[in-house]
Amino acid sequence: MKIPLDHAAAIGNVVRASRKAQKIRQDDAAGSIGVSENFLGKIERGDESVQWGKLFQVLEGLGVRIVVDVPDNVAAWLNERRDDRGRS
Protein backbone atom coordinates (compact mmCIF):
# COMPACT_ATOMS: atom_id res chain seq x y z
CA MET A 1 0.00 0.00 0.00
CA LYS A 2 1.30 3.44 -0.89
CA ILE A 3 1.05 6.07 1.84
CA PRO A 4 2.03 9.67 1.08
CA LEU A 5 4.64 11.06 3.45
CA ASP A 6 4.49 14.83 3.44
CA HIS A 7 5.76 15.59 6.93
CA ALA A 8 7.58 13.99 9.85
CA ALA A 9 4.38 13.07 11.69
CA ALA A 10 3.27 10.97 8.71
CA ILE A 11 6.43 8.87 9.02
CA GLY A 12 5.84 8.63 12.77
CA ASN A 13 2.33 7.31 12.19
CA VAL A 14 3.69 4.61 9.86
CA VAL A 15 6.35 3.59 12.40
CA ARG A 16 3.82 3.43 15.24
CA ALA A 17 1.28 1.49 13.14
CA SER A 18 3.99 -0.95 11.98
CA ARG A 19 5.09 -1.62 15.53
CA LYS A 20 1.56 -1.97 16.91
CA ALA A 21 0.42 -4.21 14.02
CA GLN A 22 3.28 -6.54 14.96
CA LYS A 23 2.15 -6.35 18.61
CA ILE A 24 5.56 -5.15 19.77
CA ARG A 25 5.88 -2.85 22.77
CA GLN A 26 7.85 0.32 22.19
CA ASP A 27 10.62 -0.65 24.61
CA ASP A 28 10.97 -4.12 23.05
CA ALA A 29 11.06 -2.68 19.53
CA ALA A 30 13.67 -0.12 20.50
CA GLY A 31 15.84 -2.76 22.14
CA SER A 32 15.70 -5.18 19.23
CA ILE A 33 16.41 -2.42 16.69
CA GLY A 34 19.28 -0.96 18.71
CA VAL A 35 17.92 2.51 19.49
CA SER A 36 16.69 4.03 22.73
CA GLU A 37 13.01 3.96 23.63
CA ASN A 38 13.20 7.77 23.84
CA PHE A 39 14.45 7.94 20.24
CA LEU A 40 11.74 5.60 18.98
CA GLY A 41 9.18 7.75 20.78
CA LYS A 42 10.52 10.85 19.05
CA ILE A 43 10.08 9.18 15.68
CA GLU A 44 6.56 8.05 16.50
CA ARG A 45 5.64 11.58 17.61
CA GLY A 46 6.98 13.03 14.36
CA ASP A 47 9.87 14.96 15.92
CA GLU A 48 11.63 16.74 13.08
CA SER A 49 15.09 16.59 14.68
CA VAL A 50 15.74 12.84 14.46
CA GLN A 51 18.91 11.51 12.86
CA TRP A 52 18.39 10.13 9.36
CA GLY A 53 20.61 7.10 9.82
CA LYS A 54 18.81 6.01 12.96
CA LEU A 55 15.42 6.69 11.35
CA PHE A 56 16.28 4.31 8.51
CA GLN A 57 17.57 1.79 11.07
CA VAL A 58 14.16 1.87 12.77
CA LEU A 59 12.28 1.60 9.47
CA GLU A 60 14.37 -1.39 8.43
CA GLY A 61 13.97 -3.00 11.84
CA LEU A 62 10.18 -2.79 11.51
CA GLY A 63 10.18 -4.02 7.92
CA VAL A 64 9.16 -0.66 6.44
CA ARG A 65 10.60 0.16 3.04
CA ILE A 66 10.71 3.74 1.73
CA VAL A 67 10.29 4.27 -2.01
CA VAL A 68 10.58 7.73 -3.51
CA ASP A 69 8.39 8.50 -6.53
CA VAL A 70 10.29 11.03 -8.65
CA PRO A 71 9.52 12.56 -12.04
CA ASP A 72 10.94 10.68 -15.04
CA ASN A 73 13.57 13.35 -15.75
CA VAL A 74 14.91 13.07 -12.19
CA ALA A 75 15.04 9.26 -12.44
CA ALA A 76 16.92 9.56 -15.74
CA TRP A 77 19.43 11.96 -14.19
CA LEU A 78 19.98 9.65 -11.20
CA ASN A 79 20.40 6.63 -13.49
CA GLU A 80 22.98 8.50 -15.58
CA ARG A 81 24.99 9.31 -12.44
CA ARG A 82 24.77 5.68 -11.28
CA ASP A 83 25.96 4.48 -14.69
CA ASP A 84 28.84 6.99 -14.64
CA ARG A 85 30.00 5.72 -11.24
CA GLY A 86 29.91 2.13 -12.51
CA ARG A 87 32.35 3.00 -15.31
CA SER A 88 34.93 4.58 -13.01
PDB file of N, CA and C in Angstrom:
ATOM      1  N   MET A   1       0.833  -1.178   0.000  1.00  0.00           N
ATOM      2  CA  MET A   1       0.000   0.000   0.000  1.00  0.00           C
ATOM      3  C   MET A   1       0.876   1.239   0.000  1.00  0.00           C
ATOM      4  N   LYS A   2       0.547   2.192  -0.832  1.00  0.00           N
ATOM      5  CA  LYS A   2       1.301   3.442  -0.885  1.00  0.00           C
ATOM      6  C   LYS A   2       0.667   4.456   0.057  1.00  0.00           C
ATOM      7  N   ILE A   3       1.508   5.061   0.885  1.00  0.00           N
ATOM      8  CA  ILE A   3       1.053   6.071   1.835  1.00  0.00           C
ATOM      9  C   ILE A   3       1.890   7.325   1.609  1.00  0.00           C
ATOM     10  N   PRO A   4       1.250   8.447   1.287  1.00  0.00           N
ATOM     11  CA  PRO A   4       2.026   9.673   1.084  1.00  0.00           C
ATOM     12  C   PRO A   4       2.660  10.151   2.391  1.00  0.00           C
ATOM     13  N   LEU A   5       3.913  10.540   2.295  1.00  0.00           N
ATOM     14  CA  LEU A   5       4.639  11.059   3.447  1.00  0.00           C
ATOM     15  C   LEU A   5       5.001  12.506   3.149  1.00  0.00           C
ATOM     16  N   ASP A   6       4.250  13.427   3.731  1.00  0.00           N
ATOM     17  CA  ASP A   6       4.488  14.831   3.437  1.00  0.00           C
ATOM     18  C   ASP A   6       4.998  15.622   4.635  1.00  0.00           C
ATOM     19  N   HIS A   7       5.187  14.945   5.755  1.00  0.00           N
ATOM     20  CA  HIS A   7       5.757  15.594   6.931  1.00  0.00           C
ATOM     21  C   HIS A   7       6.212  14.522   7.930  1.00  0.00           C
ATOM     22  N   ALA A   8       6.987  14.939   8.906  1.00  0.00           N
ATOM     23  CA  ALA A   8       7.584  13.990   9.852  1.00  0.00           C
ATOM     24  C   ALA A   8       6.535  13.176  10.601  1.00  0.00           C
ATOM     25  N   ALA A   9       5.413  13.790  10.949  1.00  0.00           N
ATOM     26  CA  ALA A   9       4.383  13.073  11.694  1.00  0.00           C
ATOM     27  C   ALA A   9       3.803  11.917  10.875  1.00  0.00           C
ATOM     28  N   ALA A  10       3.777  12.057   9.563  1.00  0.00           N
ATOM     29  CA  ALA A  10       3.267  10.971   8.715  1.00  0.00           C
ATOM     30  C   ALA A  10       4.185   9.750   8.806  1.00  0.00           C
ATOM     31  N   ILE A  11       5.490   9.974   8.845  1.00  0.00           N
ATOM     32  CA  ILE A  11       6.428   8.868   9.020  1.00  0.00           C
ATOM     33  C   ILE A  11       6.245   8.265  10.412  1.00  0.00           C
ATOM     34  N   GLY A  12       6.070   9.112  11.406  1.00  0.00           N
ATOM     35  CA  GLY A  12       5.843   8.634  12.769  1.00  0.00           C
ATOM     36  C   GLY A  12       4.621   7.743  12.870  1.00  0.00           C
ATOM     37  N   ASN A  13       3.549   8.119  12.175  1.00  0.00           N
ATOM     38  CA  ASN A  13       2.328   7.307  12.192  1.00  0.00           C
ATOM     39  C   ASN A  13       2.589   5.932  11.574  1.00  0.00           C
ATOM     40  N   VAL A  14       3.369   5.885  10.513  1.00  0.00           N
ATOM     41  CA  VAL A  14       3.694   4.606   9.864  1.00  0.00           C
ATOM     42  C   VAL A  14       4.528   3.739  10.805  1.00  0.00           C
ATOM     43  N   VAL A  15       5.505   4.339  11.463  1.00  0.00           N
ATOM     44  CA  VAL A  15       6.349   3.586  12.396  1.00  0.00           C
ATOM     45  C   VAL A  15       5.500   3.028  13.541  1.00  0.00           C
ATOM     46  N   ARG A  16       4.663   3.877  14.127  1.00  0.00           N
ATOM     47  CA  ARG A  16       3.815   3.428  15.240  1.00  0.00           C
ATOM     48  C   ARG A  16       2.871   2.314  14.783  1.00  0.00           C
ATOM     49  N   ALA A  17       2.221   2.506  13.644  1.00  0.00           N
ATOM     50  CA  ALA A  17       1.284   1.486  13.144  1.00  0.00           C
ATOM     51  C   ALA A  17       2.007   0.175  12.845  1.00  0.00           C
ATOM     52  N   SER A  18       3.214   0.255  12.292  1.00  0.00           N
ATOM     53  CA  SER A  18       3.989  -0.955  11.983  1.00  0.00           C
ATOM     54  C   SER A  18       4.335  -1.712  13.256  1.00  0.00           C
ATOM     55  N   ARG A  19       4.732  -0.983  14.262  1.00  0.00           N
ATOM     56  CA  ARG A  19       5.085  -1.617  15.530  1.00  0.00           C
ATOM     57  C   ARG A  19       3.856  -2.236  16.188  1.00  0.00           C
ATOM     58  N   LYS A  20       2.768  -1.483  16.251  1.00  0.00           N
ATOM     59  CA  LYS A  20       1.556  -1.974  16.910  1.00  0.00           C
ATOM     60  C   LYS A  20       0.935  -3.145  16.149  1.00  0.00           C
ATOM     61  N   ALA A  21       0.978  -3.111  14.819  1.00  0.00           N
ATOM     62  CA  ALA A  21       0.421  -4.211  14.021  1.00  0.00           C
ATOM     63  C   ALA A  21       1.182  -5.507  14.288  1.00  0.00           C
ATOM     64  N   GLN A  22       2.467  -5.363  14.639  1.00  0.00           N
ATOM     65  CA  GLN A  22       3.281  -6.540  14.960  1.00  0.00           C
ATOM     66  C   GLN A  22       3.187  -6.898  16.454  1.00  0.00           C
ATOM     67  N   LYS A  23       2.364  -6.132  17.177  1.00  0.00           N
ATOM     68  CA  LYS A  23       2.146  -6.346  18.613  1.00  0.00           C
ATOM     69  C   LYS A  23       3.456  -6.311  19.404  1.00  0.00           C
ATOM     70  N   ILE A  24       4.271  -5.311  19.088  1.00  0.00           N
ATOM     71  CA  ILE A  24       5.558  -5.146  19.771  1.00  0.00           C
ATOM     72  C   ILE A  24       5.474  -3.893  20.641  1.00  0.00           C
ATOM     73  N   ARG A  25       5.836  -4.031  21.902  1.00  0.00           N
ATOM     74  CA  ARG A  25       5.882  -2.854  22.774  1.00  0.00           C
ATOM     75  C   ARG A  25       7.006  -1.938  22.330  1.00  0.00           C
ATOM     76  N   GLN A  26       6.860  -0.663  22.625  1.00  0.00           N
ATOM     77  CA  GLN A  26       7.851   0.321  22.195  1.00  0.00           C
ATOM     78  C   GLN A  26       9.233   0.008  22.760  1.00  0.00           C
ATOM     79  N   ASP A  27       9.312  -0.370  24.025  1.00  0.00           N
ATOM     80  CA  ASP A  27      10.624  -0.653  24.610  1.00  0.00           C
ATOM     81  C   ASP A  27      11.255  -1.897  23.988  1.00  0.00           C
ATOM     82  N   ASP A  28      10.446  -2.913  23.695  1.00  0.00           N
ATOM     83  CA  ASP A  28      10.971  -4.117  23.054  1.00  0.00           C
ATOM     84  C   ASP A  28      11.450  -3.833  21.631  1.00  0.00           C
ATOM     85  N   ALA A  29      10.666  -3.038  20.902  1.00  0.00           N
ATOM     86  CA  ALA A  29      11.058  -2.683  19.530  1.00  0.00           C
ATOM     87  C   ALA A  29      12.371  -1.916  19.548  1.00  0.00           C
ATOM     88  N   ALA A  30      12.455  -0.922  20.414  1.00  0.00           N
ATOM     89  CA  ALA A  30      13.669  -0.117  20.497  1.00  0.00           C
ATOM     90  C   ALA A  30      14.880  -0.997  20.802  1.00  0.00           C
ATOM     91  N   GLY A  31      14.733  -1.882  21.765  1.00  0.00           N
ATOM     92  CA  GLY A  31      15.841  -2.763  22.144  1.00  0.00           C
ATOM     93  C   GLY A  31      16.278  -3.680  21.020  1.00  0.00           C
ATOM     94  N   SER A  32      15.325  -4.246  20.304  1.00  0.00           N
ATOM     95  CA  SER A  32      15.695  -5.180  19.234  1.00  0.00           C
ATOM     96  C   SER A  32      16.274  -4.462  18.021  1.00  0.00           C
ATOM     97  N   ILE A  33      15.899  -3.202  17.827  1.00  0.00           N
ATOM     98  CA  ILE A  33      16.406  -2.425  16.692  1.00  0.00           C
ATOM     99  C   ILE A  33      17.760  -1.792  17.023  1.00  0.00           C
ATOM    100  N   GLY A  34      17.996  -1.543  18.297  1.00  0.00           N
ATOM    101  CA  GLY A  34      19.275  -0.957  18.708  1.00  0.00           C
ATOM    102  C   GLY A  34      19.229   0.548  18.874  1.00  0.00           C
ATOM    103  N   VAL A  35      18.046   1.074  19.202  1.00  0.00           N
ATOM    104  CA  VAL A  35      17.917   2.506  19.487  1.00  0.00           C
ATOM    105  C   VAL A  35      17.269   2.631  20.863  1.00  0.00           C
ATOM    106  N   SER A  36      17.309   3.826  21.424  1.00  0.00           N
ATOM    107  CA  SER A  36      16.686   4.027  22.729  1.00  0.00           C
ATOM    108  C   SER A  36      15.168   4.139  22.575  1.00  0.00           C
ATOM    109  N   GLU A  37      14.469   3.815  23.641  1.00  0.00           N
ATOM    110  CA  GLU A  37      13.009   3.965  23.634  1.00  0.00           C
ATOM    111  C   GLU A  37      12.638   5.430  23.428  1.00  0.00           C
ATOM    112  N   ASN A  38      13.425   6.331  24.004  1.00  0.00           N
ATOM    113  CA  ASN A  38      13.202   7.767  23.839  1.00  0.00           C
ATOM    114  C   ASN A  38      13.289   8.155  22.355  1.00  0.00           C
ATOM    115  N   PHE A  39      14.291   7.622  21.660  1.00  0.00           N
ATOM    116  CA  PHE A  39      14.454   7.938  20.240  1.00  0.00           C
ATOM    117  C   PHE A  39      13.279   7.406  19.430  1.00  0.00           C
ATOM    118  N   LEU A  40      12.870   6.176  19.692  1.00  0.00           N
ATOM    119  CA  LEU A  40      11.738   5.605  18.975  1.00  0.00           C
ATOM    120  C   LEU A  40      10.477   6.429  19.239  1.00  0.00           C
ATOM    121  N   GLY A  41      10.310   6.884  20.446  1.00  0.00           N
ATOM    122  CA  GLY A  41       9.175   7.746  20.778  1.00  0.00           C
ATOM    123  C   GLY A  41       9.200   9.043  19.991  1.00  0.00           C
ATOM    124  N   LYS A  42      10.390   9.625  19.843  1.00  0.00           N
ATOM    125  CA  LYS A  42      10.517  10.850  19.053  1.00  0.00           C
ATOM    126  C   LYS A  42      10.074  10.618  17.611  1.00  0.00           C
ATOM    127  N   ILE A  43      10.489   9.495  17.046  1.00  0.00           N
ATOM    128  CA  ILE A  43      10.083   9.181  15.676  1.00  0.00           C
ATOM    129  C   ILE A  43       8.565   9.052  15.606  1.00  0.00           C
ATOM    130  N   GLU A  44       7.996   8.298  16.523  1.00  0.00           N
ATOM    131  CA  GLU A  44       6.557   8.052  16.501  1.00  0.00           C
ATOM    132  C   GLU A  44       5.755   9.324  16.703  1.00  0.00           C
ATOM    133  N   ARG A  45       6.319  10.292  17.402  1.00  0.00           N
ATOM    134  CA  ARG A  45       5.635  11.575  17.605  1.00  0.00           C
ATOM    135  C   ARG A  45       5.862  12.544  16.444  1.00  0.00           C
ATOM    136  N   GLY A  46       6.729  12.164  15.512  1.00  0.00           N
ATOM    137  CA  GLY A  46       6.981  13.028  14.362  1.00  0.00           C
ATOM    138  C   GLY A  46       7.965  14.148  14.632  1.00  0.00           C
ATOM    139  N   ASP A  47       8.840  13.955  15.622  1.00  0.00           N
ATOM    140  CA  ASP A  47       9.867  14.956  15.921  1.00  0.00           C
ATOM    141  C   ASP A  47      10.725  15.181  14.681  1.00  0.00           C
ATOM    142  N   GLU A  48      10.910  16.418  14.316  1.00  0.00           N
ATOM    143  CA  GLU A  48      11.631  16.737  13.083  1.00  0.00           C
ATOM    144  C   GLU A  48      13.146  16.788  13.257  1.00  0.00           C
ATOM    145  N   SER A  49      13.640  16.494  14.453  1.00  0.00           N
ATOM    146  CA  SER A  49      15.087  16.594  14.680  1.00  0.00           C
ATOM    147  C   SER A  49      15.759  15.227  14.826  1.00  0.00           C
ATOM    148  N   VAL A  50      15.125  14.168  14.326  1.00  0.00           N
ATOM    149  CA  VAL A  50      15.741  12.844  14.456  1.00  0.00           C
ATOM    150  C   VAL A  50      16.857  12.665  13.429  1.00  0.00           C
ATOM    151  N   GLN A  51      17.785  11.783  13.751  1.00  0.00           N
ATOM    152  CA  GLN A  51      18.912  11.510  12.860  1.00  0.00           C
ATOM    153  C   GLN A  51      18.463  10.566  11.754  1.00  0.00           C
ATOM    154  N   TRP A  52      18.810  10.917  10.522  1.00  0.00           N
ATOM    155  CA  TRP A  52      18.388  10.132   9.359  1.00  0.00           C
ATOM    156  C   TRP A  52      18.838   8.681   9.430  1.00  0.00           C
ATOM    157  N   GLY A  53      20.084   8.454   9.775  1.00  0.00           N
ATOM    158  CA  GLY A  53      20.614   7.098   9.816  1.00  0.00           C
ATOM    159  C   GLY A  53      19.840   6.226  10.786  1.00  0.00           C
ATOM    160  N   LYS A  54      19.554   6.774  11.959  1.00  0.00           N
ATOM    161  CA  LYS A  54      18.805   6.013  12.956  1.00  0.00           C
ATOM    162  C   LYS A  54      17.359   5.826  12.524  1.00  0.00           C
ATOM    163  N   LEU A  55      16.789   6.824  11.850  1.00  0.00           N
ATOM    164  CA  LEU A  55      15.421   6.685  11.347  1.00  0.00           C
ATOM    165  C   LEU A  55      15.341   5.507  10.386  1.00  0.00           C
ATOM    166  N   PHE A  56      16.283   5.423   9.455  1.00  0.00           N
ATOM    167  CA  PHE A  56      16.281   4.310   8.510  1.00  0.00           C
ATOM    168  C   PHE A  56      16.553   2.977   9.218  1.00  0.00           C
ATOM    169  N   GLN A  57      17.335   2.999  10.284  1.00  0.00           N
ATOM    170  CA  GLN A  57      17.572   1.792  11.074  1.00  0.00           C
ATOM    171  C   GLN A  57      16.250   1.305  11.677  1.00  0.00           C
ATOM    172  N   VAL A  58      15.452   2.224  12.194  1.00  0.00           N
ATOM    173  CA  VAL A  58      14.156   1.868  12.775  1.00  0.00           C
ATOM    174  C   VAL A  58      13.217   1.342  11.693  1.00  0.00           C
ATOM    175  N   LEU A  59      13.156   2.040  10.563  1.00  0.00           N
ATOM    176  CA  LEU A  59      12.282   1.596   9.473  1.00  0.00           C
ATOM    177  C   LEU A  59      12.640   0.178   9.030  1.00  0.00           C
ATOM    178  N   GLU A  60      13.926  -0.063   8.841  1.00  0.00           N
ATOM    179  CA  GLU A  60      14.373  -1.395   8.435  1.00  0.00           C
ATOM    180  C   GLU A  60      14.037  -2.432   9.495  1.00  0.00           C
ATOM    181  N   GLY A  61      14.249  -2.077  10.751  1.00  0.00           N
ATOM    182  CA  GLY A  61      13.975  -3.003  11.842  1.00  0.00           C
ATOM    183  C   GLY A  61      12.503  -3.397  11.935  1.00  0.00           C
ATOM    184  N   LEU A  62      11.617  -2.506  11.484  1.00  0.00           N
ATOM    185  CA  LEU A  62      10.184  -2.792  11.512  1.00  0.00           C
ATOM    186  C   LEU A  62       9.678  -3.319  10.174  1.00  0.00           C
ATOM    187  N   GLY A  63      10.581  -3.484   9.222  1.00  0.00           N
ATOM    188  CA  GLY A  63      10.182  -4.022   7.922  1.00  0.00           C
ATOM    189  C   GLY A  63       9.511  -3.019   7.015  1.00  0.00           C
ATOM    190  N   VAL A  64       9.756  -1.727   7.259  1.00  0.00           N
ATOM    191  CA  VAL A  64       9.160  -0.664   6.439  1.00  0.00           C
ATOM    192  C   VAL A  64      10.171  -0.249   5.385  1.00  0.00           C
ATOM    193  N   ARG A  65       9.732  -0.220   4.143  1.00  0.00           N
ATOM    194  CA  ARG A  65      10.603   0.159   3.044  1.00  0.00           C
ATOM    195  C   ARG A  65      10.121   1.496   2.495  1.00  0.00           C
ATOM    196  N   ILE A  66      11.033   2.426   2.286  1.00  0.00           N
ATOM    197  CA  ILE A  66      10.713   3.740   1.730  1.00  0.00           C
ATOM    198  C   ILE A  66      11.048   3.730   0.248  1.00  0.00           C
ATOM    199  N   VAL A  67      10.093   4.144  -0.566  1.00  0.00           N
ATOM    200  CA  VAL A  67      10.286   4.266  -2.006  1.00  0.00           C
ATOM    201  C   VAL A  67       9.929   5.700  -2.379  1.00  0.00           C
ATOM    202  N   VAL A  68      10.811   6.353  -3.104  1.00  0.00           N
ATOM    203  CA  VAL A  68      10.577   7.733  -3.506  1.00  0.00           C
ATOM    204  C   VAL A  68      10.105   7.747  -4.950  1.00  0.00           C
ATOM    205  N   ASP A  69       8.966   8.377  -5.185  1.00  0.00           N
ATOM    206  CA  ASP A  69       8.395   8.496  -6.526  1.00  0.00           C
ATOM    207  C   ASP A  69       8.843   9.840  -7.097  1.00  0.00           C
ATOM    208  N   VAL A  70       9.748   9.806  -8.066  1.00  0.00           N
ATOM    209  CA  VAL A  70      10.287  11.032  -8.650  1.00  0.00           C
ATOM    210  C   VAL A  70       9.843  11.152 -10.102  1.00  0.00           C
ATOM    211  N   PRO A  71       9.838  12.375 -10.633  1.00  0.00           N
ATOM    212  CA  PRO A  71       9.518  12.563 -12.044  1.00  0.00           C
ATOM    213  C   PRO A  71      10.527  11.818 -12.925  1.00  0.00           C
ATOM    214  N   ASP A  72      10.097  11.455 -14.130  1.00  0.00           N
ATOM    215  CA  ASP A  72      10.943  10.682 -15.041  1.00  0.00           C
ATOM    216  C   ASP A  72      12.285  11.345 -15.311  1.00  0.00           C
ATOM    217  N   ASN A  73      12.302  12.682 -15.453  1.00  0.00           N
ATOM    218  CA  ASN A  73      13.573  13.349 -15.751  1.00  0.00           C
ATOM    219  C   ASN A  73      14.556  13.250 -14.574  1.00  0.00           C
ATOM    220  N   VAL A  74      14.047  13.220 -13.365  1.00  0.00           N
ATOM    221  CA  VAL A  74      14.907  13.068 -12.186  1.00  0.00           C
ATOM    222  C   VAL A  74      15.451  11.645 -12.142  1.00  0.00           C
ATOM    223  N   ALA A  75      14.597  10.661 -12.413  1.00  0.00           N
ATOM    224  CA  ALA A  75      15.037   9.263 -12.440  1.00  0.00           C
ATOM    225  C   ALA A  75      16.112   9.058 -13.498  1.00  0.00           C
ATOM    226  N   ALA A  76      15.932   9.680 -14.671  1.00  0.00           N
ATOM    227  CA  ALA A  76      16.921   9.559 -15.740  1.00  0.00           C
ATOM    228  C   ALA A  76      18.252  10.157 -15.298  1.00  0.00           C
ATOM    229  N   TRP A  77      18.210  11.303 -14.662  1.00  0.00           N
ATOM    230  CA  TRP A  77      19.427  11.960 -14.188  1.00  0.00           C
ATOM    231  C   TRP A  77      20.134  11.074 -13.165  1.00  0.00           C
ATOM    232  N   LEU A  78      19.377  10.522 -12.217  1.00  0.00           N
ATOM    233  CA  LEU A  78      19.976   9.646 -11.205  1.00  0.00           C
ATOM    234  C   LEU A  78      20.573   8.392 -11.837  1.00  0.00           C
ATOM    235  N   ASN A  79      19.884   7.817 -12.809  1.00  0.00           N
ATOM    236  CA  ASN A  79      20.399   6.627 -13.494  1.00  0.00           C
ATOM    237  C   ASN A  79      21.678   6.933 -14.252  1.00  0.00           C
ATOM    238  N   GLU A  80      21.751   8.101 -14.878  1.00  0.00           N
ATOM    239  CA  GLU A  80      22.984   8.501 -15.576  1.00  0.00           C
ATOM    240  C   GLU A  80      24.148   8.561 -14.597  1.00  0.00           C
ATOM    241  N   ARG A  81      23.934   9.165 -13.429  1.00  0.00           N
ATOM    242  CA  ARG A  81      24.995   9.310 -12.439  1.00  0.00           C
ATOM    243  C   ARG A  81      25.418   7.937 -11.930  1.00  0.00           C
ATOM    244  N   ARG A  82      24.447   7.034 -11.731  1.00  0.00           N
ATOM    245  CA  ARG A  82      24.770   5.683 -11.281  1.00  0.00           C
ATOM    246  C   ARG A  82      25.602   4.961 -12.333  1.00  0.00           C
ATOM    247  N   ASP A  83      25.216   5.111 -13.603  1.00  0.00           N
ATOM    248  CA  ASP A  83      25.959   4.482 -14.687  1.00  0.00           C
ATOM    249  C   ASP A  83      27.375   5.040 -14.778  1.00  0.00           C
ATOM    250  N   ASP A  84      27.524   6.357 -14.598  1.00  0.00           N
ATOM    251  CA  ASP A  84      28.840   6.992 -14.640  1.00  0.00           C
ATOM    252  C   ASP A  84      29.746   6.451 -13.538  1.00  0.00           C
ATOM    253  N   ARG A  85      29.204   6.238 -12.356  1.00  0.00           N
ATOM    254  CA  ARG A  85      30.000   5.720 -11.241  1.00  0.00           C
ATOM    255  C   ARG A  85      30.421   4.278 -11.509  1.00  0.00           C
ATOM    256  N   GLY A  86      29.583   3.530 -12.205  1.00  0.00           N
ATOM    257  CA  GLY A  86      29.906   2.132 -12.511  1.00  0.00           C
ATOM    258  C   GLY A  86      31.045   1.997 -13.496  1.00  0.00           C
ATOM    259  N   ARG A  87      31.279   3.041 -14.303  1.00  0.00           N
ATOM    260  CA  ARG A  87      32.351   2.996 -15.306  1.00  0.00           C
ATOM    261  C   ARG A  87      33.693   3.459 -14.754  1.00  0.00           C
ATOM    262  N   SER A  88      33.688   4.033 -13.567  1.00  0.00           N
ATOM    263  CA  SER A  88      34.934   4.581 -13.006  1.00  0.00           C
ATOM    264  C   SER A  88      35.884   3.494 -12.590  1.00  0.00           C
TER     265      SER A  88
END
